[in-house]
Every structure is written in structure tokens, then in C-alpha cells.
Amino acid sequence: MSGYFVQPRALHRQSKVYDELAHNAEEVRVELRAAFDRDRNTLGDDMYGAELAKQLPEMEGGIFAALGTHIDELERIASNLNVSARNYQAVEHPPVKRS
């Protein structure tokens, strides 16, 4: 047989790895959000703290947008691996037609 061989179970296992990575990144996002919320008012009453307070919403937005994109990509990869595994399983084990 020429070509390559795919093990659908291996694809499913890898999808679980990406699911776990996405879950871990989501936990980091939640913890980071809590840290920002907790520490936002500790910037100081000087001109540096005031300037940082002005810039913080944009900085936070960029950080959380990047994390969201990263999590979405991990979830997309996990989903695509599962779809591929199901497709290979369907080809290798087609449903039995009954008359």
C-alpha cells in the first residue's frame, strides 16, 4: 500500500492535548483578569500612575484579545483533529448497508 497511514486514535489523543492547552490558557486568562481587576487601583497617585491608568485599558484590551485569539485557535485545531479522525474512521470502517 502506498501513501501514508493515519491512526484516528492518535488524532483524537492530539485533540485532547489541544483541548487541555485551551483550558489552561482560559484559566490563565481568568487569573490575569482577576489580577488586573484587583491591582488596577494600586497604580499610585503620581503622574506615572495617572499615565499608566490612562493607558491600561488599551494594554489590557490587547492582551485579552491576543489570549482570546490564541484560545480560539487551540480550540479550532482540536476540533479539526477530531473531524479528521472521524473522517478517517468513516473511510476505514464504512457503515454496513442493510437490505
C-alpha atoms as a PDB file:
ATOM      1  CA  MET A   1       0.000   0.000   0.000  1.00  0.00           C
ATOM      2  CA  SER A   2       1.466   3.356  -0.981  1.00  0.00           C
ATOM      3  CA  GLY A   3       0.773   6.716   0.629  1.00  0.00           C
ATOM      4  CA  TYR A   4       0.514   7.126   4.336  1.00  0.00           C
ATOM      5  CA  PHE A   5      -1.340   5.601   7.236  1.00  0.00           C
ATOM      6  CA  VAL A   6      -3.364   7.563   9.772  1.00  0.00           C
ATOM      7  CA  GLN A   7      -4.356   6.352  13.201  1.00  0.00           C
ATOM      8  CA  PRO A   8      -7.637   8.067  14.121  1.00  0.00           C
ATOM      9  CA  ARG A   9      -6.988   7.334  17.822  1.00  0.00           C
ATOM     10  CA  ALA A  10      -3.762   9.331  17.602  1.00  0.00           C
ATOM     11  CA  LEU A  11      -5.678  12.270  16.124  1.00  0.00           C
ATOM     12  CA  HIS A  12      -8.223  12.059  18.955  1.00  0.00           C
ATOM     13  CA  ARG A  13      -5.398  11.948  21.521  1.00  0.00           C
ATOM     14  CA  GLN A  14      -3.795  15.028  19.995  1.00  0.00           C
ATOM     15  CA  SER A  15      -7.132  16.841  20.018  1.00  0.00           C
ATOM     16  CA  LYS A  16      -7.307  16.226  23.761  1.00  0.00           C
ATOM     17  CA  VAL A  17      -3.836  17.771  24.123  1.00  0.00           C
ATOM     18  CA  TYR A  18      -5.059  20.916  22.358  1.00  0.00           C
ATOM     19  CA  ASP A  19      -8.263  20.932  24.430  1.00  0.00           C
ATOM     20  CA  GLU A  20      -6.129  20.852  27.570  1.00  0.00           C
ATOM     21  CA  LEU A  21      -3.918  23.666  26.272  1.00  0.00           C
ATOM     22  CA  ALA A  22      -7.017  25.752  25.557  1.00  0.00           C
ATOM     23  CA  HIS A  23      -8.386  25.003  29.025  1.00  0.00           C
ATOM     24  CA  ASN A  24      -5.087  26.014  30.639  1.00  0.00           C
ATOM     25  CA  ALA A  25      -4.944  29.235  28.616  1.00  0.00           C
ATOM     26  CA  GLU A  26      -8.509  30.030  29.682  1.00  0.00           C
ATOM     27  CA  GLU A  27      -7.530  29.560  33.323  1.00  0.00           C
ATOM     28  CA  VAL A  28      -4.613  31.944  32.795  1.00  0.00           C
ATOM     29  CA  ARG A  29      -6.961  34.472  31.216  1.00  0.00           C
ATOM     30  CA  VAL A  30      -9.325  34.283  34.197  1.00  0.00           C
ATOM     31  CA  GLU A  31      -6.449  34.647  36.683  1.00  0.00           C
ATOM     32  CA  LEU A  32      -4.953  37.533  34.743  1.00  0.00           C
ATOM     33  CA  ARG A  33      -8.322  39.296  34.566  1.00  0.00           C
ATOM     34  CA  ALA A  34      -8.667  38.928  38.339  1.00  0.00           C
ATOM     35  CA  ALA A  35      -5.147  40.316  38.852  1.00  0.00           C
ATOM     36  CA  PHE A  36      -5.865  43.336  36.676  1.00  0.00           C
ATOM     37  CA  ASP A  37      -9.160  43.946  38.458  1.00  0.00           C
ATOM     38  CA  ARG A  38      -7.545  43.554  41.865  1.00  0.00           C
ATOM     39  CA  ASP A  39      -4.479  45.688  41.200  1.00  0.00           C
ATOM     40  CA  ARG A  40      -5.926  48.379  38.955  1.00  0.00           C
ATOM     41  CA  ASN A  41      -6.278  50.852  41.824  1.00  0.00           C
ATOM     42  CA  THR A  42      -2.731  50.364  43.118  1.00  0.00           C
ATOM     43  CA  LEU A  43      -1.001  52.333  40.372  1.00  0.00           C
ATOM     44  CA  GLY A  44      -0.086  55.219  42.634  1.00  0.00           C
ATOM     45  CA  ASP A  45      -1.187  58.821  42.868  1.00  0.00           C
ATOM     46  CA  ASP A  46       1.737  60.301  40.959  1.00  0.00           C
ATOM     47  CA  MET A  47       1.985  61.306  37.313  1.00  0.00           C
ATOM     48  CA  TYR A  48       3.342  57.870  36.339  1.00  0.00           C
ATOM     49  CA  GLY A  49       0.398  56.080  37.919  1.00  0.00           C
ATOM     50  CA  ALA A  50      -2.012  58.512  36.243  1.00  0.00           C
ATOM     51  CA  GLU A  51      -0.416  57.929  32.838  1.00  0.00           C
ATOM     52  CA  LEU A  52      -0.461  54.167  33.293  1.00  0.00           C
ATOM     53  CA  ALA A  53      -4.113  54.324  34.362  1.00  0.00           C
ATOM     54  CA  LYS A  54      -4.899  56.088  31.073  1.00  0.00           C
ATOM     55  CA  GLN A  55      -3.037  53.513  29.004  1.00  0.00           C
ATOM     56  CA  LEU A  56      -4.107  50.420  30.937  1.00  0.00           C
ATOM     57  CA  PRO A  57      -7.465  49.811  29.209  1.00  0.00           C
ATOM     58  CA  GLU A  58      -5.826  49.683  25.778  1.00  0.00           C
ATOM     59  CA  MET A  59      -2.997  47.483  27.061  1.00  0.00           C
ATOM     60  CA  GLU A  60      -5.460  45.116  28.738  1.00  0.00           C
ATOM     61  CA  GLY A  61      -7.566  45.021  25.599  1.00  0.00           C
ATOM     62  CA  GLY A  62      -4.576  43.963  23.516  1.00  0.00           C
ATOM     63  CA  ILE A  63      -3.530  41.301  25.986  1.00  0.00           C
ATOM     64  CA  PHE A  64      -7.002  39.784  26.275  1.00  0.00           C
ATOM     65  CA  ALA A  65      -7.629  39.979  22.535  1.00  0.00           C
ATOM     66  CA  ALA A  66      -4.395  38.062  21.921  1.00  0.00           C
ATOM     67  CA  LEU A  67      -5.301  35.470  24.560  1.00  0.00           C
ATOM     68  CA  GLY A  68      -8.764  35.092  23.049  1.00  0.00           C
ATOM     69  CA  THR A  69      -7.313  34.567  19.580  1.00  0.00           C
ATOM     70  CA  HIS A  70      -4.859  32.006  20.980  1.00  0.00           C
ATOM     71  CA  ILE A  71      -7.588  30.077  22.800  1.00  0.00           C
ATOM     72  CA  ASP A  72      -9.855  30.128  19.741  1.00  0.00           C
ATOM     73  CA  GLU A  73      -7.022  28.757  17.602  1.00  0.00           C
ATOM     74  CA  LEU A  74      -6.285  25.940  20.062  1.00  0.00           C
ATOM     75  CA  GLU A  75      -9.981  25.017  20.116  1.00  0.00           C
ATOM     76  CA  ARG A  76     -10.151  25.139  16.309  1.00  0.00           C
ATOM     77  CA  ILE A  77      -7.167  22.803  15.997  1.00  0.00           C
ATOM     78  CA  ALA A  78      -8.706  20.354  18.498  1.00  0.00           C
ATOM     79  CA  SER A  79     -11.988  20.387  16.609  1.00  0.00           C
ATOM     80  CA  ASN A  80     -10.301  19.880  13.244  1.00  0.00           C
ATOM     81  CA  LEU A  81      -8.278  16.962  14.586  1.00  0.00           C
ATOM     82  CA  ASN A  82     -11.491  15.302  15.778  1.00  0.00           C
ATOM     83  CA  VAL A  83     -13.178  15.892  12.418  1.00  0.00           C
ATOM     84  CA  SER A  84     -10.184  14.380  10.615  1.00  0.00           C
ATOM     85  CA  ALA A  85     -10.214  11.379  12.919  1.00  0.00           C
ATOM     86  CA  ARG A  86     -13.922  10.799  12.277  1.00  0.00           C
ATOM     87  CA  ASN A  87     -13.391  11.129   8.520  1.00  0.00           C
ATOM     88  CA  TYR A  88     -10.574   8.567   8.530  1.00  0.00           C
ATOM     89  CA  GLN A  89     -12.653   6.230  10.688  1.00  0.00           C
ATOM     90  CA  ALA A  90     -15.572   6.530   8.264  1.00  0.00           C
ATOM     91  CA  VAL A  91     -13.352   5.593   5.328  1.00  0.00           C
ATOM     92  CA  GLU A  92     -11.721   2.687   7.141  1.00  0.00           C
ATOM     93  CA  HIS A  93     -14.981   1.380   8.619  1.00  0.00           C
ATOM     94  CA  PRO A  94     -17.859   2.360   6.355  1.00  0.00           C
ATOM     95  CA  PRO A  95     -21.368   1.714   7.682  1.00  0.00           C
ATOM     96  CA  VAL A  96     -22.869  -1.631   6.765  1.00  0.00           C
ATOM     97  CA  LYS A  97     -25.747  -1.290   4.321  1.00  0.00           C
ATOM     98  CA  ARG A  98     -28.723  -3.445   5.146  1.00  0.00           C
ATOM     99  CA  SER A  99     -31.260  -4.530   2.589  1.00  0.00           C
END
